[in-house]
């Protein structure tokens, strides 16, 4: 049986934690930053766990990661 290819777009956007969970970066942190408060911008820098509803879909895109 052939190997499954990794979706490279997903590989760049998601990382696995030591416990096997997936983490993602927050949206809305790339432009129009002047109107956002410092607190909001600081929180946008942090990564966050992926929702359980999306975990199965994204895990399928990253078969060996």
PDB file of N, CA and C in Angstrom:
ATOM      1  N   UNK A   1       0.838  -1.185   0.000  1.00  0.00           N
ATOM      2  CA  UNK A   1       0.000   0.000   0.000  1.00  0.00           C
ATOM      3  C   UNK A   1       0.885   1.251   0.000  1.00  0.00           C
ATOM      4  N   UNK A   2       0.563   2.242  -0.851  1.00  0.00           N
ATOM      5  CA  UNK A   2       1.424   3.433  -0.917  1.00  0.00           C
ATOM      6  C   UNK A   2       1.267   4.323   0.310  1.00  0.00           C
ATOM      7  N   UNK A   3       2.292   5.128   0.515  1.00  0.00           N
ATOM      8  CA  UNK A   3       2.245   6.085   1.627  1.00  0.00           C
ATOM      9  C   UNK A   3       1.236   7.185   1.319  1.00  0.00           C
ATOM     10  N   UNK A   4       0.700   7.802   2.354  1.00  0.00           N
ATOM     11  CA  UNK A   4      -0.244   8.911   2.186  1.00  0.00           C
ATOM     12  C   UNK A   4       0.549  10.201   2.206  1.00  0.00           C
ATOM     13  N   UNK A   5       0.274  11.088   1.256  1.00  0.00           N
ATOM     14  CA  UNK A   5       0.983  12.362   1.220  1.00  0.00           C
ATOM     15  C   UNK A   5       0.432  13.307   2.283  1.00  0.00           C
ATOM     16  N   UNK A   6       1.334  14.094   2.864  1.00  0.00           N
ATOM     17  CA  UNK A   6       0.964  15.123   3.834  1.00  0.00           C
ATOM     18  C   UNK A   6       0.495  16.357   3.080  1.00  0.00           C
ATOM     19  N   UNK A   7      -0.555  17.000   3.559  1.00  0.00           N
ATOM     20  CA  UNK A   7      -0.989  18.280   2.988  1.00  0.00           C
ATOM     21  C   UNK A   7      -0.054  19.354   3.513  1.00  0.00           C
ATOM     22  N   UNK A   8       0.748  19.947   2.647  1.00  0.00           N
ATOM     23  CA  UNK A   8       1.795  20.863   3.070  1.00  0.00           C
ATOM     24  C   UNK A   8       1.238  22.148   3.688  1.00  0.00           C
ATOM     25  N   UNK A   9       0.063  22.582   3.226  1.00  0.00           N
ATOM     26  CA  UNK A   9      -0.555  23.773   3.810  1.00  0.00           C
ATOM     27  C   UNK A   9      -0.924  23.543   5.266  1.00  0.00           C
ATOM     28  N   UNK A  10      -1.425  22.354   5.565  1.00  0.00           N
ATOM     29  CA  UNK A  10      -1.793  22.005   6.931  1.00  0.00           C
ATOM     30  C   UNK A  10      -0.550  21.849   7.798  1.00  0.00           C
ATOM     31  N   UNK A  11       0.521  21.300   7.223  1.00  0.00           N
ATOM     32  CA  UNK A  11       1.765  21.095   7.967  1.00  0.00           C
ATOM     33  C   UNK A  11       2.351  22.424   8.445  1.00  0.00           C
ATOM     34  N   UNK A  12       2.197  23.467   7.619  1.00  0.00           N
ATOM     35  CA  UNK A  12       2.725  24.788   7.976  1.00  0.00           C
ATOM     36  C   UNK A  12       1.863  25.482   9.031  1.00  0.00           C
ATOM     37  N   UNK A  13       0.592  25.115   9.117  1.00  0.00           N
ATOM     38  CA  UNK A  13      -0.331  25.814  10.014  1.00  0.00           C
ATOM     39  C   UNK A  13      -0.541  25.152  11.368  1.00  0.00           C
ATOM     40  N   UNK A  14      -0.314  23.850  11.460  1.00  0.00           N
ATOM     41  CA  UNK A  14      -0.605  23.119  12.699  1.00  0.00           C
ATOM     42  C   UNK A  14       0.628  22.396  13.211  1.00  0.00           C
ATOM     43  N   UNK A  15       0.743  22.325  14.536  1.00  0.00           N
ATOM     44  CA  UNK A  15       1.841  21.605  15.180  1.00  0.00           C
ATOM     45  C   UNK A  15       1.242  20.647  16.206  1.00  0.00           C
ATOM     46  N   UNK A  16       1.956  19.543  16.452  1.00  0.00           N
ATOM     47  CA  UNK A  16       1.540  18.594  17.490  1.00  0.00           C
ATOM     48  C   UNK A  16       2.225  18.937  18.801  1.00  0.00           C
ATOM     49  N   UNK A  17       1.503  18.795  19.893  1.00  0.00           N
ATOM     50  CA  UNK A  17       2.090  18.969  21.217  1.00  0.00           C
ATOM     51  C   UNK A  17       2.669  17.628  21.654  1.00  0.00           C
ATOM     52  N   UNK A  18       3.345  17.612  22.776  1.00  0.00           N
ATOM     53  CA  UNK A  18       3.918  16.376  23.288  1.00  0.00           C
ATOM     54  C   UNK A  18       2.866  15.331  23.577  1.00  0.00           C
ATOM     55  N   UNK A  19       1.680  15.770  23.966  1.00  0.00           N
ATOM     56  CA  UNK A  19       0.585  14.846  24.277  1.00  0.00           C
ATOM     57  C   UNK A  19      -0.220  14.415  23.069  1.00  0.00           C
ATOM     58  N   UNK A  20       0.154  14.904  21.878  1.00  0.00           N
ATOM     59  CA  UNK A  20      -0.536  14.483  20.661  1.00  0.00           C
ATOM     60  C   UNK A  20      -1.645  15.404  20.206  1.00  0.00           C
ATOM     61  N   UNK A  21      -1.909  16.470  20.958  1.00  0.00           N
ATOM     62  CA  UNK A  21      -2.947  17.416  20.543  1.00  0.00           C
ATOM     63  C   UNK A  21      -2.403  18.318  19.441  1.00  0.00           C
ATOM     64  N   UNK A  22      -3.299  18.959  18.724  1.00  0.00           N
ATOM     65  CA  UNK A  22      -2.897  19.880  17.665  1.00  0.00           C
ATOM     66  C   UNK A  22      -3.077  21.311  18.146  1.00  0.00           C
ATOM     67  N   UNK A  23      -2.118  22.178  17.801  1.00  0.00           N
ATOM     68  CA  UNK A  23      -2.251  23.593  18.140  1.00  0.00           C
ATOM     69  C   UNK A  23      -2.227  24.417  16.864  1.00  0.00           C
ATOM     70  N   UNK A  24      -2.861  25.572  16.926  1.00  0.00           N
ATOM     71  CA  UNK A  24      -2.942  26.464  15.769  1.00  0.00           C
ATOM     72  C   UNK A  24      -2.644  27.881  16.219  1.00  0.00           C
ATOM     73  N   UNK A  25      -2.317  28.737  15.255  1.00  0.00           N
ATOM     74  CA  UNK A  25      -2.161  30.150  15.549  1.00  0.00           C
ATOM     75  C   UNK A  25      -3.510  30.838  15.415  1.00  0.00           C
ATOM     76  N   UNK A  26      -3.669  31.940  16.107  1.00  0.00           N
ATOM     77  CA  UNK A  26      -4.938  32.672  16.083  1.00  0.00           C
ATOM     78  C   UNK A  26      -5.066  33.495  14.809  1.00  0.00           C
ATOM     79  N   UNK A  27      -6.292  33.699  14.373  1.00  0.00           N
ATOM     80  CA  UNK A  27      -6.566  34.509  13.187  1.00  0.00           C
ATOM     81  C   UNK A  27      -6.581  35.985  13.548  1.00  0.00           C
ATOM     82  N   UNK A  28      -6.587  36.849  12.546  1.00  0.00           N
ATOM     83  CA  UNK A  28      -6.715  38.313  12.681  1.00  0.00           C
ATOM     84  C   UNK A  28      -5.477  38.975  13.257  1.00  0.00           C
ATOM     85  N   UNK A  29      -4.297  38.379  13.042  1.00  0.00           N
ATOM     86  CA  UNK A  29      -3.078  38.960  13.604  1.00  0.00           C
ATOM     87  C   UNK A  29      -2.112  39.447  12.526  1.00  0.00           C
ATOM     88  N   UNK A  30      -2.568  39.573  11.286  1.00  0.00           N
ATOM     89  CA  UNK A  30      -1.628  39.888  10.211  1.00  0.00           C
ATOM     90  C   UNK A  30      -1.679  41.340   9.729  1.00  0.00           C
ATOM     91  N   UNK A  31      -2.821  41.998   9.805  1.00  0.00           N
ATOM     92  CA  UNK A  31      -2.881  43.390   9.351  1.00  0.00           C
ATOM     93  C   UNK A  31      -4.003  44.128  10.074  1.00  0.00           C
ATOM     94  N   UNK A  32      -4.071  45.446   9.851  1.00  0.00           N
ATOM     95  CA  UNK A  32      -5.008  46.354  10.539  1.00  0.00           C
ATOM     96  C   UNK A  32      -4.810  46.225  12.055  1.00  0.00           C
ATOM     97  N   UNK A  33      -3.561  46.368  12.475  1.00  0.00           N
ATOM     98  CA  UNK A  33      -3.219  46.179  13.879  1.00  0.00           C
ATOM     99  C   UNK A  33      -3.398  47.452  14.709  1.00  0.00           C
ATOM    100  N   UNK A  34      -3.475  48.611  14.054  1.00  0.00           N
ATOM    101  CA  UNK A  34      -3.518  49.876  14.795  1.00  0.00           C
ATOM    102  C   UNK A  34      -4.781  50.028  15.630  1.00  0.00           C
ATOM    103  N   UNK A  35      -5.876  49.475  15.153  1.00  0.00           N
ATOM    104  CA  UNK A  35      -7.132  49.633  15.901  1.00  0.00           C
ATOM    105  C   UNK A  35      -7.306  48.590  17.002  1.00  0.00           C
ATOM    106  N   UNK A  36      -6.407  47.607  17.052  1.00  0.00           N
ATOM    107  CA  UNK A  36      -6.502  46.570  18.087  1.00  0.00           C
ATOM    108  C   UNK A  36      -5.700  46.986  19.311  1.00  0.00           C
ATOM    109  N   UNK A  37      -6.222  46.678  20.477  1.00  0.00           N
ATOM    110  CA  UNK A  37      -5.551  47.064  21.718  1.00  0.00           C
ATOM    111  C   UNK A  37      -4.294  46.217  21.924  1.00  0.00           C
ATOM    112  N   UNK A  38      -3.391  46.706  22.754  1.00  0.00           N
ATOM    113  CA  UNK A  38      -2.149  45.986  23.038  1.00  0.00           C
ATOM    114  C   UNK A  38      -2.437  44.619  23.647  1.00  0.00           C
ATOM    115  N   UNK A  39      -3.427  44.587  24.528  1.00  0.00           N
ATOM    116  CA  UNK A  39      -3.796  43.321  25.174  1.00  0.00           C
ATOM    117  C   UNK A  39      -4.275  42.308  24.139  1.00  0.00           C
ATOM    118  N   UNK A  40      -5.096  42.770  23.205  1.00  0.00           N
ATOM    119  CA  UNK A  40      -5.625  41.889  22.174  1.00  0.00           C
ATOM    120  C   UNK A  40      -4.507  41.377  21.264  1.00  0.00           C
ATOM    121  N   UNK A  41      -3.584  42.277  20.878  1.00  0.00           N
ATOM    122  CA  UNK A  41      -2.467  41.879  20.021  1.00  0.00           C
ATOM    123  C   UNK A  41      -1.552  40.891  20.729  1.00  0.00           C
ATOM    124  N   UNK A  42      -1.342  41.097  22.006  1.00  0.00           N
ATOM    125  CA  UNK A  42      -0.495  40.189  22.804  1.00  0.00           C
ATOM    126  C   UNK A  42      -1.121  38.791  22.853  1.00  0.00           C
ATOM    127  N   UNK A  43      -2.436  38.733  23.021  1.00  0.00           N
ATOM    128  CA  UNK A  43      -3.128  37.445  23.060  1.00  0.00           C
ATOM    129  C   UNK A  43      -3.169  36.764  21.695  1.00  0.00           C
ATOM    130  N   UNK A  44      -3.134  37.543  20.620  1.00  0.00           N
ATOM    131  CA  UNK A  44      -3.133  36.969  19.275  1.00  0.00           C
ATOM    132  C   UNK A  44      -1.809  36.286  18.957  1.00  0.00           C
ATOM    133  N   UNK A  45      -0.749  36.653  19.658  1.00  0.00           N
ATOM    134  CA  UNK A  45       0.564  36.018  19.434  1.00  0.00           C
ATOM    135  C   UNK A  45       0.617  34.595  19.953  1.00  0.00           C
ATOM    136  N   UNK A  46      -0.230  34.279  20.904  1.00  0.00           N
ATOM    137  CA  UNK A  46      -0.219  32.952  21.524  1.00  0.00           C
ATOM    138  C   UNK A  46      -0.918  31.938  20.621  1.00  0.00           C
ATOM    139  N   UNK A  47      -0.451  30.705  20.666  1.00  0.00           N
ATOM    140  CA  UNK A  47      -1.148  29.646  19.940  1.00  0.00           C
ATOM    141  C   UNK A  47      -2.203  29.044  20.855  1.00  0.00           C
ATOM    142  N   UNK A  48      -3.146  28.358  20.254  1.00  0.00           N
ATOM    143  CA  UNK A  48      -4.272  27.819  21.008  1.00  0.00           C
ATOM    144  C   UNK A  48      -4.579  26.397  20.527  1.00  0.00           C
ATOM    145  N   UNK A  49      -5.119  25.545  21.376  1.00  0.00           N
ATOM    146  CA  UNK A  49      -5.449  24.177  20.928  1.00  0.00           C
ATOM    147  C   UNK A  49      -6.552  24.192  19.876  1.00  0.00           C
ATOM    148  N   UNK A  50      -6.488  23.242  18.998  1.00  0.00           N
ATOM    149  CA  UNK A  50      -7.504  23.093  17.964  1.00  0.00           C
ATOM    150  C   UNK A  50      -8.785  22.562  18.595  1.00  0.00           C
ATOM    151  N   UNK A  51      -9.933  22.994  18.097  1.00  0.00           N
ATOM    152  CA  UNK A  51     -11.217  22.527  18.612  1.00  0.00           C
ATOM    153  C   UNK A  51     -11.363  21.023  18.368  1.00  0.00           C
ATOM    154  N   UNK A  52     -12.025  20.349  19.295  1.00  0.00           N
ATOM    155  CA  UNK A  52     -12.206  18.892  19.173  1.00  0.00           C
ATOM    156  C   UNK A  52     -12.979  18.519  17.908  1.00  0.00           C
ATOM    157  N   UNK A  53     -13.876  19.395  17.476  1.00  0.00           N
ATOM    158  CA  UNK A  53     -14.672  19.108  16.278  1.00  0.00           C
ATOM    159  C   UNK A  53     -13.817  19.092  15.012  1.00  0.00           C
ATOM    160  N   UNK A  54     -12.719  19.857  14.999  1.00  0.00           N
ATOM    161  CA  UNK A  54     -11.843  19.923  13.826  1.00  0.00           C
ATOM    162  C   UNK A  54     -10.664  18.963  13.900  1.00  0.00           C
ATOM    163  N   UNK A  55     -10.438  18.366  15.058  1.00  0.00           N
ATOM    164  CA  UNK A  55      -9.255  17.534  15.282  1.00  0.00           C
ATOM    165  C   UNK A  55      -9.165  16.378  14.290  1.00  0.00           C
ATOM    166  N   UNK A  56     -10.264  15.697  14.039  1.00  0.00           N
ATOM    167  CA  UNK A  56     -10.266  14.531  13.158  1.00  0.00           C
ATOM    168  C   UNK A  56      -9.948  14.936  11.716  1.00  0.00           C
ATOM    169  N   UNK A  57     -10.516  16.062  11.274  1.00  0.00           N
ATOM    170  CA  UNK A  57     -10.295  16.533   9.906  1.00  0.00           C
ATOM    171  C   UNK A  57      -8.830  16.881   9.673  1.00  0.00           C
ATOM    172  N   UNK A  58      -8.249  17.612  10.623  1.00  0.00           N
ATOM    173  CA  UNK A  58      -6.861  18.055  10.460  1.00  0.00           C
ATOM    174  C   UNK A  58      -5.897  16.892  10.626  1.00  0.00           C
ATOM    175  N   UNK A  59      -6.184  15.976  11.521  1.00  0.00           N
ATOM    176  CA  UNK A  59      -5.318  14.807  11.714  1.00  0.00           C
ATOM    177  C   UNK A  59      -5.238  13.972  10.447  1.00  0.00           C
ATOM    178  N   UNK A  60      -6.284  13.961   9.670  1.00  0.00           N
ATOM    179  CA  UNK A  60      -6.293  13.223   8.406  1.00  0.00           C
ATOM    180  C   UNK A  60      -5.366  13.875   7.371  1.00  0.00           C
ATOM    181  N   UNK A  61      -5.182  15.185   7.477  1.00  0.00           N
ATOM    182  CA  UNK A  61      -4.296  15.903   6.557  1.00  0.00           C
ATOM    183  C   UNK A  61      -2.826  15.719   6.925  1.00  0.00           C
ATOM    184  N   UNK A  62      -2.562  15.317   8.167  1.00  0.00           N
ATOM    185  CA  UNK A  62      -1.195  15.134   8.663  1.00  0.00           C
ATOM    186  C   UNK A  62      -0.990  13.683   9.108  1.00  0.00           C
ATOM    187  N   UNK A  63      -0.897  12.749   8.177  1.00  0.00           N
ATOM    188  CA  UNK A  63      -0.915  11.345   8.563  1.00  0.00           C
ATOM    189  C   UNK A  63       0.267  10.886   9.423  1.00  0.00           C
ATOM    190  N   UNK A  64       1.469  11.424   9.223  1.00  0.00           N
ATOM    191  CA  UNK A  64       2.640  10.921   9.943  1.00  0.00           C
ATOM    192  C   UNK A  64       3.247  11.958  10.878  1.00  0.00           C
ATOM    193  N   UNK A  65       2.489  12.982  11.247  1.00  0.00           N
ATOM    194  CA  UNK A  65       3.046  14.076  12.049  1.00  0.00           C
ATOM    195  C   UNK A  65       2.318  14.208  13.370  1.00  0.00           C
TER     196      UNK A  65
END
